[in-house]
C-alpha atoms as a PDB file:
ATOM      1  CA  MET A   1      -2.100  -9.448 -10.685  1.00  0.00           C
ATOM      2  CA  VAL A   2      -2.842  -8.354  -7.123  1.00  0.00           C
ATOM      3  CA  ILE A   3      -3.323 -10.900  -4.347  1.00  0.00           C
ATOM      4  CA  ALA A   4      -5.416  -9.754  -1.376  1.00  0.00           C
ATOM      5  CA  GLU A   5      -5.500 -11.137   2.149  1.00  0.00           C
ATOM      6  CA  PRO A   6      -7.989  -9.641   4.632  1.00  0.00           C
ATOM      7  CA  VAL A   7      -6.527  -9.342   8.131  1.00  0.00           C
ATOM      8  CA  ASP A   8      -9.677  -8.171   9.904  1.00  0.00           C
ATOM      9  CA  THR A   9     -12.837  -6.236   9.054  1.00  0.00           C
ATOM     10  CA  GLN A  10     -10.913  -3.022   8.316  1.00  0.00           C
ATOM     11  CA  LEU A  11      -7.429  -4.089   7.215  1.00  0.00           C
ATOM     12  CA  VAL A  12      -6.345  -5.896   4.061  1.00  0.00           C
ATOM     13  CA  ILE A  13      -2.899  -6.805   2.734  1.00  0.00           C
ATOM     14  CA  LEU A  14      -2.517  -6.267  -1.005  1.00  0.00           C
ATOM     15  CA  GLU A  15       0.385  -7.880  -2.864  1.00  0.00           C
ATOM     16  CA  PRO A  16       0.906  -6.596  -6.395  1.00  0.00           C
ATOM     17  CA  ASN A  17       2.905  -9.156  -8.371  1.00  0.00           C
ATOM     18  CA  GLY A  18       5.177  -8.405 -11.292  1.00  0.00           C
ATOM     19  CA  ARG A  19       5.290  -5.071 -13.018  1.00  0.00           C
ATOM     20  CA  LEU A  20       3.422  -2.017 -11.707  1.00  0.00           C
ATOM     21  CA  THR A  21       3.463   0.057 -14.887  1.00  0.00           C
ATOM     22  CA  ALA A  22       1.248   1.999 -17.272  1.00  0.00           C
ATOM     23  CA  GLU A  23       0.085  -1.365 -18.659  1.00  0.00           C
ATOM     24  CA  THR A  24      -0.950  -2.790 -15.264  1.00  0.00           C
ATOM     25  CA  VAL A  25      -1.879   0.225 -13.143  1.00  0.00           C
ATOM     26  CA  ASP A  26      -5.573   0.135 -14.137  1.00  0.00           C
ATOM     27  CA  GLU A  27      -5.925  -3.410 -12.816  1.00  0.00           C
ATOM     28  CA  PHE A  28      -4.114  -2.371  -9.628  1.00  0.00           C
ATOM     29  CA  ASN A  29      -6.417   0.629  -9.124  1.00  0.00           C
ATOM     30  CA  LEU A  30      -9.544  -1.480  -9.762  1.00  0.00           C
ATOM     31  CA  THR A  31      -8.450  -4.047  -7.191  1.00  0.00           C
ATOM     32  CA  VAL A  32      -7.735  -1.379  -4.579  1.00  0.00           C
ATOM     33  CA  SER A  33     -11.085   0.333  -5.282  1.00  0.00           C
ATOM     34  CA  LYS A  34     -12.944  -2.971  -4.966  1.00  0.00           C
ATOM     35  CA  TRP A  35     -11.547  -3.615  -1.498  1.00  0.00           C
ATOM     36  CA  VAL A  36     -12.164  -0.052  -0.326  1.00  0.00           C
ATOM     37  CA  ARG A  37     -15.785  -0.179  -1.565  1.00  0.00           C
ATOM     38  CA  ARG A  38     -16.254  -3.398   0.412  1.00  0.00           C
ATOM     39  CA  GLY A  39     -15.238  -1.589   3.602  1.00  0.00           C
ATOM     40  CA  TRP A  40     -11.538  -2.347   3.956  1.00  0.00           C
ATOM     41  CA  HIS A  41     -10.199   1.168   4.338  1.00  0.00           C
ATOM     42  CA  ASP A  42      -6.827   0.446   5.934  1.00  0.00           C
ATOM     43  CA  LEU A  43      -4.345  -1.084   3.497  1.00  0.00           C
ATOM     44  CA  ILE A  44      -0.953  -2.729   3.728  1.00  0.00           C
ATOM     45  CA  LEU A  45       0.778  -2.842   0.354  1.00  0.00           C
ATOM     46  CA  ASP A  46       3.431  -5.536   0.180  1.00  0.00           C
ATOM     47  CA  LEU A  47       5.771  -4.412  -2.596  1.00  0.00           C
ATOM     48  CA  GLY A  48       8.110  -7.387  -2.199  1.00  0.00           C
ATOM     49  CA  PHE A  49       6.785  -9.034  -5.379  1.00  0.00           C
ATOM     50  CA  VAL A  50       6.916  -5.930  -7.591  1.00  0.00           C
ATOM     51  CA  THR A  51       9.619  -6.592 -10.175  1.00  0.00           C
ATOM     52  CA  TYR A  52       9.445  -3.257 -11.992  1.00  0.00           C
ATOM     53  CA  LEU A  53       7.935   0.138 -11.214  1.00  0.00           C
ATOM     54  CA  ASP A  54       7.553   2.996 -13.700  1.00  0.00           C
ATOM     55  CA  SER A  55       6.194   6.533 -13.338  1.00  0.00           C
ATOM     56  CA  ALA A  56       2.587   5.319 -13.707  1.00  0.00           C
ATOM     57  CA  GLY A  57       3.158   2.822 -10.899  1.00  0.00           C
ATOM     58  CA  ILE A  58       4.716   5.478  -8.699  1.00  0.00           C
ATOM     59  CA  GLY A  59       1.744   7.728  -9.461  1.00  0.00           C
ATOM     60  CA  ALA A  60      -0.684   4.968  -8.481  1.00  0.00           C
ATOM     61  CA  LEU A  61       1.095   4.489  -5.140  1.00  0.00           C
ATOM     62  CA  ALA A  62       1.079   8.240  -4.481  1.00  0.00           C
ATOM     63  CA  GLN A  63      -2.613   8.460  -5.390  1.00  0.00           C
ATOM     64  CA  LEU A  64      -3.399   5.543  -3.074  1.00  0.00           C
ATOM     65  CA  HIS A  65      -1.569   7.287  -0.243  1.00  0.00           C
ATOM     66  CA  LEU A  66      -3.446  10.563  -0.822  1.00  0.00           C
ATOM     67  CA  SER A  67      -6.877   8.988  -1.227  1.00  0.00           C
ATOM     68  CA  SER A  68      -6.369   7.012   1.992  1.00  0.00           C
ATOM     69  CA  GLN A  69      -5.528  10.194   3.869  1.00  0.00           C
ATOM     70  CA  ARG A  70      -8.627  11.900   2.460  1.00  0.00           C
ATOM     71  CA  ARG A  71     -10.774   8.989   3.704  1.00  0.00           C
ATOM     72  CA  GLY A  72      -9.231   9.280   7.149  1.00  0.00           C
ATOM     73  CA  SER A  73      -7.584   5.890   6.772  1.00  0.00           C
ATOM     74  CA  ARG A  74      -4.049   4.682   6.097  1.00  0.00           C
ATOM     75  CA  ALA A  75      -2.157   2.923   3.350  1.00  0.00           C
ATOM     76  CA  VAL A  76       1.269   1.700   4.428  1.00  0.00           C
ATOM     77  CA  PHE A  77       3.994  -0.061   2.491  1.00  0.00           C
ATOM     78  CA  VAL A  78       6.109  -3.100   3.399  1.00  0.00           C
ATOM     79  CA  ASN A  79       8.948  -5.053   1.831  1.00  0.00           C
ATOM     80  CA  VAL A  80      10.179  -2.039  -0.118  1.00  0.00           C
ATOM     81  CA  ALA A  81      13.595  -3.091  -1.349  1.00  0.00           C
ATOM     82  CA  GLY A  82      16.000  -2.972  -4.261  1.00  0.00           C
ATOM     83  CA  LYS A  83      15.136  -0.812  -7.248  1.00  0.00           C
ATOM     84  CA  THR A  84      11.658  -0.067  -5.888  1.00  0.00           C
ATOM     85  CA  ARG A  85      13.159   1.391  -2.713  1.00  0.00           C
ATOM     86  CA  GLU A  86      15.698   3.365  -4.730  1.00  0.00           C
ATOM     87  CA  LEU A  87      12.953   4.881  -6.924  1.00  0.00           C
ATOM     88  CA  LEU A  88      10.920   5.878  -3.880  1.00  0.00           C
ATOM     89  CA  ARG A  89      14.040   7.344  -2.279  1.00  0.00           C
ATOM     90  CA  VAL A  90      14.972   9.370  -5.376  1.00  0.00           C
ATOM     91  CA  THR A  91      11.415  10.699  -5.724  1.00  0.00           C
ATOM     92  CA  LYS A  92      11.396  11.549  -1.985  1.00  0.00           C
ATOM     93  CA  LEU A  93       8.297   9.375  -1.484  1.00  0.00           C
ATOM     94  CA  LEU A  94      10.068   7.362   1.214  1.00  0.00           C
ATOM     95  CA  THR A  95       9.795  10.483   3.364  1.00  0.00           C
ATOM     96  CA  VAL A  96       6.043  10.728   2.658  1.00  0.00           C
ATOM     97  CA  PHE A  97       4.902   7.089   2.768  1.00  0.00           C
ATOM     98  CA  GLU A  98       4.718   5.001   5.920  1.00  0.00           C
ATOM     99  CA  VAL A  99       7.153   2.176   5.218  1.00  0.00           C
ATOM    100  CA  TYR A 100       7.665  -0.888   7.418  1.00  0.00           C
ATOM    101  CA  ASP A 101      10.061  -3.801   7.089  1.00  0.00           C
ATOM    102  CA  SER A 102       7.385  -6.487   7.491  1.00  0.00           C
ATOM    103  CA  THR A 103       3.632  -7.009   7.396  1.00  0.00           C
ATOM    104  CA  GLY A 104       3.717  -7.933  11.082  1.00  0.00           C
ATOM    105  CA  GLU A 105       5.269  -4.587  11.967  1.00  0.00           C
ATOM    106  CA  ALA A 106       2.686  -2.773   9.827  1.00  0.00           C
ATOM    107  CA  GLU A 107      -0.190  -4.724  11.396  1.00  0.00           C
ATOM    108  CA  ARG A 108       1.051  -3.760  14.867  1.00  0.00           C
ATOM    109  CA  SER A 109       1.084  -0.086  13.811  1.00  0.00           C
ATOM    110  CA  PHE A 110      -2.611  -0.345  12.922  1.00  0.00           C
ATOM    111  CA  ALA A 111      -3.370  -2.113  16.207  1.00  0.00           C
ATOM    112  CA  ARG A 112      -1.563   0.626  18.169  1.00  0.00           C
ATOM    113  CA  ALA A 113      -3.461   3.338  16.294  1.00  0.00           C
ATOM    114  CA  ARG A 114      -6.818   1.660  16.986  1.00  0.00           C
ATOM    115  CA  HIS A 115      -5.896   1.155  20.618  1.00  0.00           C
ATOM    116  CA  SER A 116      -4.997   4.827  21.061  1.00  0.00           C
ATOM    117  CA  ILE A 117      -8.354   5.850  19.553  1.00  0.00           C
ATOM    118  CA  THR A 118     -10.353   3.647  21.959  1.00  0.00           C
ATOM    119  CA  CYS A 119      -8.461   4.782  25.055  1.00  0.00           C
END
């Protein structure tokens, strides 16, 4: 299950809960697609409630990152800890993904980026 919390008209926080695996990745992708189609292009993924991540889950996160870049938007990750962090470190994705310690820190990064565009 993925819980979503809109922050503003462009930014939404998505919180996948439980396992992000071959069995659950389709639901995850459908939820992400639904929010993007509705106009929320900037995404914060809170991975703090992910209890297990397999190669399909890692692939879904990588695909989300790439598709966001192609749209000219951003997908950032927060609360990446424990085994999830270790998997992303081993796969070198920690060097590719934007990772923040908290949703507040991630939200501020979006605000700074928007501010620099308007100035």
